[in-house]
N, C-alpha and C. Protein backbone atom coordinates (compact mmCIF):
# COMPACT_ATOMS: atom_id res chain seq x y z
N UNK A 1 34.22 13.12 350.60
CA UNK A 1 32.79 13.26 350.30
C UNK A 1 31.99 13.29 351.61
N UNK A 2 31.08 14.24 351.71
CA UNK A 2 30.23 14.35 352.89
C UNK A 2 29.08 13.33 352.79
N UNK A 3 29.00 12.44 353.75
CA UNK A 3 27.95 11.41 353.70
C UNK A 3 26.68 11.83 354.46
N UNK A 4 26.65 13.10 354.91
CA UNK A 4 25.45 13.65 355.57
C UNK A 4 24.97 12.78 356.72
N UNK A 5 25.91 12.33 357.53
CA UNK A 5 25.54 11.57 358.73
C UNK A 5 25.37 10.08 358.49
N UNK A 6 25.47 9.65 357.25
CA UNK A 6 25.37 8.22 356.97
C UNK A 6 26.70 7.52 357.26
N UNK A 7 26.61 6.32 357.79
CA UNK A 7 27.78 5.47 357.95
C UNK A 7 27.73 4.43 356.85
N UNK A 8 28.82 4.31 356.11
CA UNK A 8 28.84 3.38 354.99
C UNK A 8 29.73 2.19 355.36
N UNK A 9 29.17 1.00 355.23
CA UNK A 9 29.91 -0.22 355.56
C UNK A 9 30.03 -1.05 354.27
N UNK A 10 31.26 -1.32 353.89
CA UNK A 10 31.50 -2.16 352.73
C UNK A 10 31.64 -3.61 353.21
N UNK A 11 30.66 -4.44 352.81
CA UNK A 11 30.66 -5.84 353.25
C UNK A 11 31.35 -6.68 352.18
N UNK A 12 32.63 -6.40 351.96
CA UNK A 12 33.39 -7.13 350.96
C UNK A 12 34.84 -7.22 351.39
N UNK A 13 35.41 -8.41 351.24
CA UNK A 13 36.82 -8.59 351.57
C UNK A 13 37.74 -8.29 350.40
N UNK A 14 37.16 -7.90 349.26
CA UNK A 14 37.97 -7.67 348.05
C UNK A 14 38.84 -6.43 348.17
N UNK A 15 40.17 -6.58 348.07
CA UNK A 15 41.03 -5.41 348.13
C UNK A 15 40.78 -4.46 346.97
N UNK A 16 40.31 -4.99 345.83
CA UNK A 16 40.06 -4.13 344.66
C UNK A 16 38.84 -3.23 344.93
N UNK A 17 37.80 -3.81 345.56
CA UNK A 17 36.62 -2.98 345.87
C UNK A 17 36.96 -1.92 346.91
N UNK A 18 37.76 -2.31 347.91
CA UNK A 18 38.17 -1.34 348.94
C UNK A 18 38.94 -0.20 348.32
N UNK A 19 39.81 -0.51 347.37
CA UNK A 19 40.61 0.50 346.69
C UNK A 19 39.70 1.48 345.94
N UNK A 20 38.65 0.94 345.28
CA UNK A 20 37.71 1.81 344.55
C UNK A 20 36.99 2.75 345.52
N UNK A 21 36.61 2.25 346.69
CA UNK A 21 35.95 3.11 347.68
C UNK A 21 36.88 4.22 348.15
N UNK A 22 38.14 3.86 348.33
CA UNK A 22 39.13 4.89 348.70
C UNK A 22 39.26 5.93 347.59
N UNK A 23 39.27 5.47 346.35
CA UNK A 23 39.38 6.39 345.20
C UNK A 23 38.16 7.30 345.10
N UNK A 24 36.98 6.79 345.49
CA UNK A 24 35.76 7.61 345.44
C UNK A 24 35.75 8.68 346.53
N UNK A 25 36.67 8.54 347.50
CA UNK A 25 36.73 9.51 348.59
C UNK A 25 35.56 9.39 349.56
N UNK A 26 35.04 8.16 349.67
CA UNK A 26 33.91 7.93 350.58
C UNK A 26 34.44 7.33 351.87
N UNK A 27 34.18 7.96 353.02
CA UNK A 27 34.58 7.33 354.27
C UNK A 27 33.75 6.05 354.48
N UNK A 28 34.43 4.95 354.76
CA UNK A 28 33.71 3.69 354.94
C UNK A 28 34.47 2.81 355.91
N UNK A 29 33.73 1.87 356.49
CA UNK A 29 34.41 0.84 357.26
C UNK A 29 34.11 -0.49 356.59
N UNK A 30 34.86 -1.51 356.96
CA UNK A 30 34.74 -2.81 356.30
C UNK A 30 34.26 -3.83 357.32
N UNK A 31 33.26 -4.60 356.93
CA UNK A 31 32.81 -5.68 357.80
C UNK A 31 32.34 -6.82 356.91
N UNK A 32 32.90 -7.98 357.10
CA UNK A 32 32.54 -9.12 356.26
C UNK A 32 31.96 -10.24 357.12
N UNK A 33 30.78 -10.70 356.74
CA UNK A 33 30.20 -11.90 357.37
C UNK A 33 30.13 -12.95 356.25
N UNK A 34 30.98 -13.97 356.31
CA UNK A 34 31.03 -14.94 355.21
C UNK A 34 29.70 -15.68 355.03
N UNK A 35 29.30 -15.85 353.78
CA UNK A 35 28.10 -16.64 353.46
C UNK A 35 28.45 -17.59 352.31
N UNK A 36 27.66 -18.66 352.20
CA UNK A 36 27.85 -19.58 351.07
C UNK A 36 27.34 -18.90 349.81
N UNK A 37 28.15 -18.92 348.77
CA UNK A 37 27.75 -18.25 347.53
C UNK A 37 27.07 -19.23 346.57
N UNK A 38 26.10 -19.96 347.11
CA UNK A 38 25.34 -20.90 346.29
C UNK A 38 24.13 -20.19 345.70
N UNK A 39 23.60 -20.75 344.64
CA UNK A 39 22.40 -20.15 344.03
C UNK A 39 21.61 -21.25 343.32
N UNK A 40 20.30 -21.08 343.18
CA UNK A 40 19.49 -22.09 342.49
C UNK A 40 19.94 -22.24 341.02
N UNK A 41 19.99 -23.46 340.55
CA UNK A 41 20.47 -23.72 339.19
C UNK A 41 19.58 -23.11 338.11
N UNK A 42 18.35 -22.77 338.48
CA UNK A 42 17.43 -22.20 337.50
C UNK A 42 17.79 -20.75 337.13
N UNK A 43 18.63 -20.11 337.94
CA UNK A 43 18.97 -18.70 337.70
C UNK A 43 19.97 -18.56 336.56
N UNK A 44 19.87 -17.43 335.86
CA UNK A 44 20.77 -17.15 334.73
C UNK A 44 21.43 -15.78 334.93
N UNK A 45 22.56 -15.60 334.30
CA UNK A 45 23.40 -14.39 334.28
C UNK A 45 23.12 -13.36 335.40
N UNK A 46 22.45 -12.23 335.10
CA UNK A 46 22.29 -11.17 336.12
C UNK A 46 21.56 -11.66 337.37
N UNK A 47 20.65 -12.62 337.18
CA UNK A 47 19.87 -13.13 338.33
C UNK A 47 20.81 -13.77 339.37
N UNK A 48 21.87 -14.42 338.90
CA UNK A 48 22.80 -15.09 339.81
C UNK A 48 23.51 -14.06 340.70
N UNK A 49 24.07 -13.04 340.06
CA UNK A 49 24.81 -12.01 340.82
C UNK A 49 23.88 -11.31 341.81
N UNK A 50 22.64 -11.01 341.38
CA UNK A 50 21.68 -10.34 342.26
C UNK A 50 21.30 -11.23 343.44
N UNK A 51 21.13 -12.50 343.19
CA UNK A 51 20.77 -13.45 344.25
C UNK A 51 21.89 -13.53 345.29
N UNK A 52 23.14 -13.66 344.82
CA UNK A 52 24.27 -13.81 345.75
C UNK A 52 24.46 -12.53 346.58
N UNK A 53 24.27 -11.38 345.95
CA UNK A 53 24.40 -10.11 346.66
C UNK A 53 23.38 -10.02 347.80
N UNK A 54 22.17 -10.50 347.52
CA UNK A 54 21.13 -10.51 348.56
C UNK A 54 21.51 -11.47 349.70
N UNK A 55 22.09 -12.61 349.33
CA UNK A 55 22.55 -13.58 350.33
C UNK A 55 23.64 -12.94 351.21
N UNK A 56 24.53 -12.19 350.59
CA UNK A 56 25.61 -11.54 351.33
C UNK A 56 25.07 -10.48 352.30
N UNK A 57 23.94 -9.87 351.95
CA UNK A 57 23.35 -8.83 352.80
C UNK A 57 22.51 -9.42 353.93
N UNK A 58 22.02 -10.65 353.74
CA UNK A 58 21.08 -11.26 354.70
C UNK A 58 21.56 -11.23 356.16
N UNK A 59 22.83 -11.58 356.47
CA UNK A 59 23.26 -11.59 357.87
C UNK A 59 23.28 -10.20 358.52
N UNK A 60 23.25 -9.15 357.69
CA UNK A 60 23.31 -7.79 358.21
C UNK A 60 21.92 -7.22 358.54
N UNK A 61 20.86 -7.92 358.06
CA UNK A 61 19.50 -7.37 358.21
C UNK A 61 19.15 -7.05 359.65
N UNK A 62 19.55 -7.95 360.55
CA UNK A 62 19.21 -7.74 361.97
C UNK A 62 20.18 -6.75 362.64
N UNK A 63 21.27 -6.42 361.96
CA UNK A 63 22.31 -5.58 362.57
C UNK A 63 22.29 -4.14 362.08
N UNK A 64 21.72 -3.91 360.88
CA UNK A 64 21.80 -2.58 360.27
C UNK A 64 21.06 -1.54 361.12
N UNK A 65 21.72 -0.40 361.35
CA UNK A 65 21.15 0.66 362.17
C UNK A 65 20.62 1.79 361.28
N UNK A 66 19.88 2.70 361.93
CA UNK A 66 19.43 3.92 361.23
C UNK A 66 20.67 4.62 360.67
N UNK A 67 20.52 5.20 359.49
CA UNK A 67 21.61 5.98 358.86
C UNK A 67 22.84 5.15 358.52
N UNK A 68 22.66 3.83 358.40
CA UNK A 68 23.76 3.00 357.90
C UNK A 68 23.40 2.48 356.52
N UNK A 69 24.40 2.39 355.67
CA UNK A 69 24.22 1.74 354.37
C UNK A 69 25.24 0.61 354.30
N UNK A 70 24.74 -0.62 354.19
CA UNK A 70 25.60 -1.78 354.04
C UNK A 70 25.67 -2.09 352.55
N UNK A 71 26.87 -2.13 352.00
CA UNK A 71 27.02 -2.35 350.56
C UNK A 71 27.66 -3.72 350.32
N UNK A 72 26.94 -4.55 349.57
CA UNK A 72 27.46 -5.88 349.21
C UNK A 72 27.64 -5.91 347.68
N UNK A 73 28.54 -6.75 347.22
CA UNK A 73 28.78 -6.83 345.77
C UNK A 73 29.17 -8.24 345.38
N UNK A 74 28.85 -8.60 344.14
CA UNK A 74 29.29 -9.89 343.63
C UNK A 74 29.50 -9.79 342.13
N UNK A 75 30.59 -10.35 341.67
CA UNK A 75 30.91 -10.33 340.24
C UNK A 75 30.95 -11.76 339.72
N UNK A 76 30.27 -11.97 338.60
CA UNK A 76 30.34 -13.28 337.94
C UNK A 76 30.75 -13.08 336.47
N UNK A 77 31.25 -14.14 335.89
CA UNK A 77 31.53 -14.15 334.47
C UNK A 77 30.53 -15.12 333.83
N UNK A 78 29.85 -14.64 332.79
CA UNK A 78 28.83 -15.45 332.12
C UNK A 78 29.34 -15.74 330.70
N UNK A 79 29.57 -17.03 330.43
CA UNK A 79 30.16 -17.40 329.15
C UNK A 79 29.50 -18.69 328.64
N UNK A 80 29.05 -18.63 327.40
CA UNK A 80 28.42 -19.82 326.77
C UNK A 80 27.32 -20.40 327.67
N UNK A 81 26.47 -19.50 328.17
CA UNK A 81 25.31 -19.90 329.00
C UNK A 81 25.71 -20.58 330.29
N UNK A 82 26.88 -20.22 330.82
CA UNK A 82 27.38 -20.85 332.03
C UNK A 82 28.02 -19.79 332.92
N UNK A 83 27.82 -19.95 334.23
CA UNK A 83 28.41 -19.02 335.21
C UNK A 83 29.80 -19.50 335.60
N UNK A 84 30.77 -18.62 335.46
CA UNK A 84 32.14 -18.96 335.86
C UNK A 84 32.51 -18.14 337.10
N UNK A 85 32.67 -18.86 338.21
CA UNK A 85 33.05 -18.17 339.45
C UNK A 85 34.57 -18.21 339.62
N UNK A 86 35.02 -18.20 340.86
CA UNK A 86 36.46 -18.30 341.14
C UNK A 86 36.85 -19.77 340.97
N UNK A 87 38.02 -20.03 340.39
CA UNK A 87 38.43 -21.43 340.20
C UNK A 87 38.72 -22.11 341.53
N UNK A 88 38.42 -23.40 341.60
CA UNK A 88 38.67 -24.14 342.84
C UNK A 88 40.12 -24.62 342.92
N UNK A 89 40.74 -24.85 341.76
CA UNK A 89 42.15 -25.27 341.73
C UNK A 89 42.74 -24.93 340.37
N UNK A 90 44.00 -25.27 340.17
CA UNK A 90 44.71 -24.91 338.93
C UNK A 90 44.07 -25.57 337.70
N UNK A 91 43.59 -26.80 337.88
CA UNK A 91 42.95 -27.50 336.75
C UNK A 91 41.67 -26.77 336.33
N UNK A 92 40.89 -26.35 337.33
CA UNK A 92 39.66 -25.60 337.07
C UNK A 92 39.99 -24.28 336.36
N UNK A 93 41.03 -23.59 336.85
CA UNK A 93 41.46 -22.32 336.23
C UNK A 93 41.85 -22.54 334.77
N UNK A 94 42.54 -23.66 334.49
CA UNK A 94 42.94 -23.98 333.12
C UNK A 94 41.71 -24.14 332.23
N UNK A 95 40.72 -24.90 332.71
CA UNK A 95 39.50 -25.14 331.91
C UNK A 95 38.73 -23.85 331.66
N UNK A 96 38.65 -23.01 332.70
CA UNK A 96 37.95 -21.73 332.57
C UNK A 96 38.62 -20.87 331.50
N UNK A 97 39.94 -20.73 331.60
CA UNK A 97 40.66 -19.86 330.67
C UNK A 97 40.61 -20.43 329.24
N UNK A 98 40.65 -21.74 329.13
CA UNK A 98 40.52 -22.35 327.79
C UNK A 98 39.16 -22.01 327.18
N UNK A 99 38.12 -21.99 328.04
CA UNK A 99 36.77 -21.69 327.54
C UNK A 99 36.61 -20.22 327.13
N UNK A 100 37.46 -19.35 327.68
CA UNK A 100 37.37 -17.91 327.34
C UNK A 100 38.19 -17.57 326.10
N UNK A 101 39.08 -18.47 325.71
CA UNK A 101 39.97 -18.21 324.56
C UNK A 101 39.15 -17.96 323.29
N UNK A 102 39.50 -16.83 322.64
CA UNK A 102 38.87 -16.49 321.34
C UNK A 102 37.36 -16.33 321.40
N UNK A 103 36.84 -15.87 322.53
CA UNK A 103 35.39 -15.67 322.66
C UNK A 103 35.11 -14.33 323.35
N UNK A 104 33.83 -13.94 323.30
CA UNK A 104 33.35 -12.78 324.03
C UNK A 104 32.46 -13.27 325.16
N UNK A 105 32.70 -12.76 326.37
CA UNK A 105 31.86 -13.15 327.52
C UNK A 105 31.37 -11.91 328.24
N UNK A 106 30.43 -12.10 329.14
CA UNK A 106 29.90 -10.99 329.93
C UNK A 106 30.47 -11.02 331.35
N UNK A 107 30.78 -9.85 331.87
CA UNK A 107 31.14 -9.73 333.28
C UNK A 107 30.01 -8.95 333.94
N UNK A 108 29.40 -9.56 334.93
CA UNK A 108 28.23 -8.97 335.59
C UNK A 108 28.55 -8.71 337.05
N UNK A 109 28.38 -7.49 337.49
CA UNK A 109 28.52 -7.17 338.91
C UNK A 109 27.19 -6.64 339.42
N UNK A 110 26.70 -7.24 340.50
CA UNK A 110 25.53 -6.71 341.19
C UNK A 110 26.01 -6.07 342.48
N UNK A 111 25.40 -4.95 342.84
CA UNK A 111 25.76 -4.24 344.07
C UNK A 111 24.48 -3.96 344.85
N UNK A 112 24.47 -4.40 346.11
CA UNK A 112 23.29 -4.23 346.95
C UNK A 112 23.51 -3.12 347.98
N UNK A 113 22.44 -2.39 348.27
CA UNK A 113 22.46 -1.29 349.25
C UNK A 113 21.39 -1.58 350.30
N UNK A 114 21.82 -2.01 351.47
CA UNK A 114 20.89 -2.37 352.53
C UNK A 114 20.81 -1.24 353.55
N UNK A 115 19.58 -0.78 353.79
CA UNK A 115 19.33 0.21 354.85
C UNK A 115 18.36 -0.41 355.84
N UNK A 116 18.10 0.31 356.91
CA UNK A 116 17.23 -0.20 357.99
C UNK A 116 15.91 -0.74 357.44
N UNK A 117 15.29 -0.02 356.53
CA UNK A 117 13.98 -0.43 356.05
C UNK A 117 13.92 -0.47 354.52
N UNK A 118 15.08 -0.65 353.90
CA UNK A 118 15.09 -0.60 352.44
C UNK A 118 16.20 -1.47 351.86
N UNK A 119 15.91 -2.11 350.74
CA UNK A 119 16.92 -2.89 350.00
C UNK A 119 16.86 -2.49 348.54
N UNK A 120 18.01 -2.11 347.99
CA UNK A 120 18.08 -1.79 346.57
C UNK A 120 19.25 -2.53 345.97
N UNK A 121 19.10 -2.89 344.70
CA UNK A 121 20.19 -3.61 344.04
C UNK A 121 20.32 -3.07 342.62
N UNK A 122 21.56 -2.78 342.23
CA UNK A 122 21.82 -2.37 340.85
C UNK A 122 22.77 -3.42 340.24
N UNK A 123 22.81 -3.46 338.93
CA UNK A 123 23.80 -4.34 338.30
C UNK A 123 24.32 -3.71 337.02
N UNK A 124 25.48 -4.14 336.63
CA UNK A 124 26.11 -3.63 335.42
C UNK A 124 26.67 -4.81 334.63
N UNK A 125 26.56 -4.74 333.31
CA UNK A 125 27.06 -5.81 332.44
C UNK A 125 28.10 -5.21 331.48
N UNK A 126 29.29 -5.80 331.45
CA UNK A 126 30.31 -5.41 330.49
C UNK A 126 30.65 -6.62 329.64
N UNK A 127 31.14 -6.37 328.43
CA UNK A 127 31.53 -7.48 327.56
C UNK A 127 33.04 -7.45 327.32
N UNK A 128 33.65 -8.62 327.38
CA UNK A 128 35.10 -8.74 327.22
C UNK A 128 35.39 -9.78 326.15
N UNK A 129 36.28 -9.44 325.23
CA UNK A 129 36.67 -10.39 324.18
C UNK A 129 38.15 -10.72 324.33
N UNK A 130 38.43 -12.02 324.42
CA UNK A 130 39.80 -12.50 324.44
C UNK A 130 40.21 -12.96 323.04
N UNK A 131 41.47 -12.73 322.72
CA UNK A 131 42.05 -13.36 321.54
C UNK A 131 42.38 -14.81 321.88
N UNK A 132 43.04 -15.53 320.96
CA UNK A 132 43.39 -16.92 321.24
C UNK A 132 44.42 -17.00 322.38
N UNK A 133 44.17 -17.92 323.33
CA UNK A 133 45.08 -18.11 324.47
C UNK A 133 45.80 -19.44 324.31
N UNK A 134 47.13 -19.38 324.20
CA UNK A 134 47.89 -20.62 324.08
C UNK A 134 47.99 -21.32 325.43
N UNK A 135 48.27 -22.60 325.39
CA UNK A 135 48.41 -23.38 326.63
C UNK A 135 49.54 -22.81 327.49
N UNK A 136 50.60 -22.38 326.83
CA UNK A 136 51.76 -21.83 327.54
C UNK A 136 51.37 -20.52 328.26
N UNK A 137 50.60 -19.68 327.56
CA UNK A 137 50.14 -18.40 328.13
C UNK A 137 49.27 -18.67 329.36
N UNK A 138 48.36 -19.63 329.23
CA UNK A 138 47.44 -19.96 330.33
C UNK A 138 48.22 -20.49 331.54
N UNK A 139 49.14 -21.42 331.30
CA UNK A 139 49.86 -22.05 332.42
C UNK A 139 50.78 -21.07 333.13
N UNK A 140 51.47 -20.20 332.36
CA UNK A 140 52.36 -19.26 333.04
C UNK A 140 51.56 -18.25 333.86
N UNK A 141 50.34 -17.92 333.42
CA UNK A 141 49.48 -17.02 334.20
C UNK A 141 49.01 -17.72 335.49
N UNK A 142 48.60 -18.97 335.38
CA UNK A 142 48.12 -19.71 336.55
C UNK A 142 49.24 -19.81 337.61
N UNK A 143 50.48 -19.97 337.13
CA UNK A 143 51.61 -20.08 338.06
C UNK A 143 51.83 -18.81 338.89
N UNK A 144 51.31 -17.67 338.42
CA UNK A 144 51.44 -16.43 339.21
C UNK A 144 50.51 -16.45 340.43
N UNK A 145 49.49 -17.34 340.40
CA UNK A 145 48.52 -17.40 341.50
C UNK A 145 47.39 -16.40 341.39
N UNK A 146 47.53 -15.44 340.50
CA UNK A 146 46.55 -14.36 340.38
C UNK A 146 45.13 -14.81 340.01
N UNK A 147 44.99 -15.84 339.14
CA UNK A 147 43.61 -16.20 338.74
C UNK A 147 42.76 -16.78 339.87
N UNK A 148 43.39 -17.24 340.95
CA UNK A 148 42.67 -18.08 341.92
C UNK A 148 41.61 -17.33 342.74
N UNK A 149 41.73 -16.01 342.88
CA UNK A 149 40.71 -15.30 343.68
C UNK A 149 39.81 -14.42 342.80
N UNK A 150 39.74 -14.76 341.51
CA UNK A 150 38.96 -13.92 340.59
C UNK A 150 37.92 -14.73 339.82
N UNK A 151 36.73 -14.18 339.72
CA UNK A 151 35.68 -14.79 338.89
C UNK A 151 36.20 -14.85 337.45
N UNK A 152 35.99 -16.01 336.82
CA UNK A 152 36.46 -16.17 335.45
C UNK A 152 37.94 -16.42 335.34
N UNK A 153 38.63 -16.51 336.50
CA UNK A 153 40.05 -16.88 336.58
C UNK A 153 40.99 -15.88 335.92
N UNK A 154 40.56 -14.61 335.82
CA UNK A 154 41.51 -13.61 335.31
C UNK A 154 41.19 -12.24 335.88
N UNK A 155 42.22 -11.39 335.88
CA UNK A 155 42.03 -9.98 336.22
C UNK A 155 42.36 -9.15 335.01
N UNK A 156 41.42 -8.30 334.59
CA UNK A 156 41.66 -7.47 333.41
C UNK A 156 42.85 -6.53 333.65
N UNK A 157 43.08 -6.20 334.93
CA UNK A 157 44.16 -5.28 335.28
C UNK A 157 45.53 -5.95 335.31
N UNK A 158 45.55 -7.30 335.28
CA UNK A 158 46.81 -8.03 335.23
C UNK A 158 47.42 -7.92 333.83
N UNK A 159 48.73 -8.16 333.73
CA UNK A 159 49.36 -8.12 332.40
C UNK A 159 48.73 -9.14 331.46
N UNK A 160 48.25 -10.25 332.03
CA UNK A 160 47.54 -11.26 331.24
C UNK A 160 46.35 -10.65 330.50
N UNK A 161 45.57 -9.83 331.24
CA UNK A 161 44.43 -9.15 330.63
C UNK A 161 44.89 -8.13 329.60
N UNK A 162 45.88 -7.33 329.97
CA UNK A 162 46.39 -6.29 329.10
C UNK A 162 46.85 -6.88 327.75
N UNK A 163 47.51 -8.02 327.81
CA UNK A 163 48.12 -8.60 326.61
C UNK A 163 47.16 -9.44 325.77
N UNK A 164 46.08 -9.94 326.38
CA UNK A 164 45.24 -10.92 325.67
C UNK A 164 43.81 -10.49 325.38
N UNK A 165 43.36 -9.40 326.02
CA UNK A 165 41.99 -8.93 325.77
C UNK A 165 42.01 -8.02 324.56
N UNK A 166 41.20 -8.35 323.56
CA UNK A 166 41.21 -7.58 322.31
C UNK A 166 40.20 -6.44 322.32
N UNK A 167 39.10 -6.59 323.10
CA UNK A 167 38.16 -5.46 323.20
C UNK A 167 37.27 -5.60 324.43
N UNK A 168 36.82 -4.45 324.92
CA UNK A 168 35.83 -4.45 326.00
C UNK A 168 34.72 -3.47 325.65
N UNK A 169 33.53 -3.76 326.18
CA UNK A 169 32.40 -2.87 325.97
C UNK A 169 31.73 -2.67 327.33
N UNK A 170 31.51 -1.42 327.71
CA UNK A 170 30.88 -1.14 329.01
C UNK A 170 31.90 -0.67 330.03
N UNK A 171 31.51 -0.72 331.29
CA UNK A 171 32.33 -0.20 332.39
C UNK A 171 33.57 -1.05 332.63
N UNK A 172 34.73 -0.39 332.60
CA UNK A 172 36.01 -1.07 332.86
C UNK A 172 36.11 -1.48 334.33
N UNK A 173 35.72 -0.57 335.25
CA UNK A 173 35.84 -0.89 336.68
C UNK A 173 34.90 -2.04 337.06
N UNK A 174 33.80 -2.16 336.34
CA UNK A 174 32.87 -3.28 336.57
C UNK A 174 33.57 -4.62 336.37
N UNK A 175 34.45 -4.67 335.37
CA UNK A 175 35.16 -5.93 335.05
C UNK A 175 36.15 -6.25 336.18
N UNK A 176 36.66 -5.21 336.85
CA UNK A 176 37.57 -5.44 337.98
C UNK A 176 36.78 -5.86 339.22
N UNK A 177 35.50 -5.45 339.30
CA UNK A 177 34.69 -5.91 340.43
C UNK A 177 33.74 -4.90 341.02
N UNK A 178 33.71 -3.65 340.47
CA UNK A 178 32.76 -2.66 340.99
C UNK A 178 32.52 -1.60 339.94
N UNK A 179 31.24 -1.43 339.50
CA UNK A 179 30.94 -0.36 338.55
C UNK A 179 30.93 0.99 339.29
N UNK A 180 32.10 1.61 339.36
CA UNK A 180 32.31 2.73 340.27
C UNK A 180 31.35 3.90 340.02
N UNK A 181 31.21 4.32 338.76
CA UNK A 181 30.36 5.49 338.47
C UNK A 181 28.92 5.23 338.89
N UNK A 182 28.43 4.01 338.64
CA UNK A 182 27.04 3.66 338.97
C UNK A 182 26.85 3.58 340.50
N UNK A 183 27.85 3.04 341.21
CA UNK A 183 27.76 2.93 342.67
C UNK A 183 27.79 4.31 343.31
N UNK A 184 28.67 5.17 342.82
CA UNK A 184 28.77 6.53 343.35
C UNK A 184 27.45 7.28 343.16
N UNK A 185 26.84 7.11 341.99
CA UNK A 185 25.56 7.77 341.69
C UNK A 185 24.49 7.31 342.67
N UNK A 186 24.44 5.98 342.93
CA UNK A 186 23.42 5.43 343.83
C UNK A 186 23.64 5.91 345.26
N UNK A 187 24.89 5.94 345.72
CA UNK A 187 25.18 6.43 347.09
C UNK A 187 24.74 7.89 347.22
N UNK A 188 25.05 8.69 346.23
CA UNK A 188 24.65 10.12 346.27
C UNK A 188 23.13 10.26 346.30
N UNK A 189 22.43 9.42 345.54
CA UNK A 189 20.95 9.43 345.54
C UNK A 189 20.39 9.14 346.93
N UNK A 190 20.93 8.08 347.57
CA UNK A 190 20.47 7.67 348.90
C UNK A 190 20.69 8.81 349.90
N UNK A 191 21.88 9.38 349.87
CA UNK A 191 22.24 10.45 350.82
C UNK A 191 21.37 11.69 350.60
N UNK A 192 21.14 12.03 349.32
CA UNK A 192 20.38 13.22 348.98
C UNK A 192 18.90 13.09 349.42
N UNK A 193 18.38 11.86 349.35
CA UNK A 193 16.97 11.64 349.66
C UNK A 193 16.71 11.41 351.15
N UNK A 194 17.72 11.66 351.95
CA UNK A 194 17.60 11.42 353.40
C UNK A 194 16.46 12.23 353.98
């Protein structure tokens, strides 16, 4: 894809997001400046993801050059009026997965686009329904180590997701961590309006 002189920087360490950028055929480089992913307790669902995305972009504000687009992203799981991030340990992962058993939750990804004199943020919401999860199913999944780096302690692309998710509504790639079609549309808009 021709970026019309724009340099695109993906400010995410997620291998899944990097893979999506490669699939979109967008030339990009990767630069991550770690930030604390804290947020005010008063925030709810989409507001949390949007707030964290802005926090992730903040260290780049003084660094962003003309014709650069810095892209930040954050995915949260919203279930029973509670934000579920990445589990801190196996016990936390167990509790998170128990809370998702036999329920429908929202997966929210916010994506920020920082330019020299402009900030834009989009978000996407998908719904995921799990069937009943047995203790044995949960524990054998946790033993794979896969839940530990994922919001909501699961990956829809893992066999755990394939076998236990009964329905999804909305963008599938959003549940993995990036609403690809929406991000591609926004990048094309920015480039076209140059």
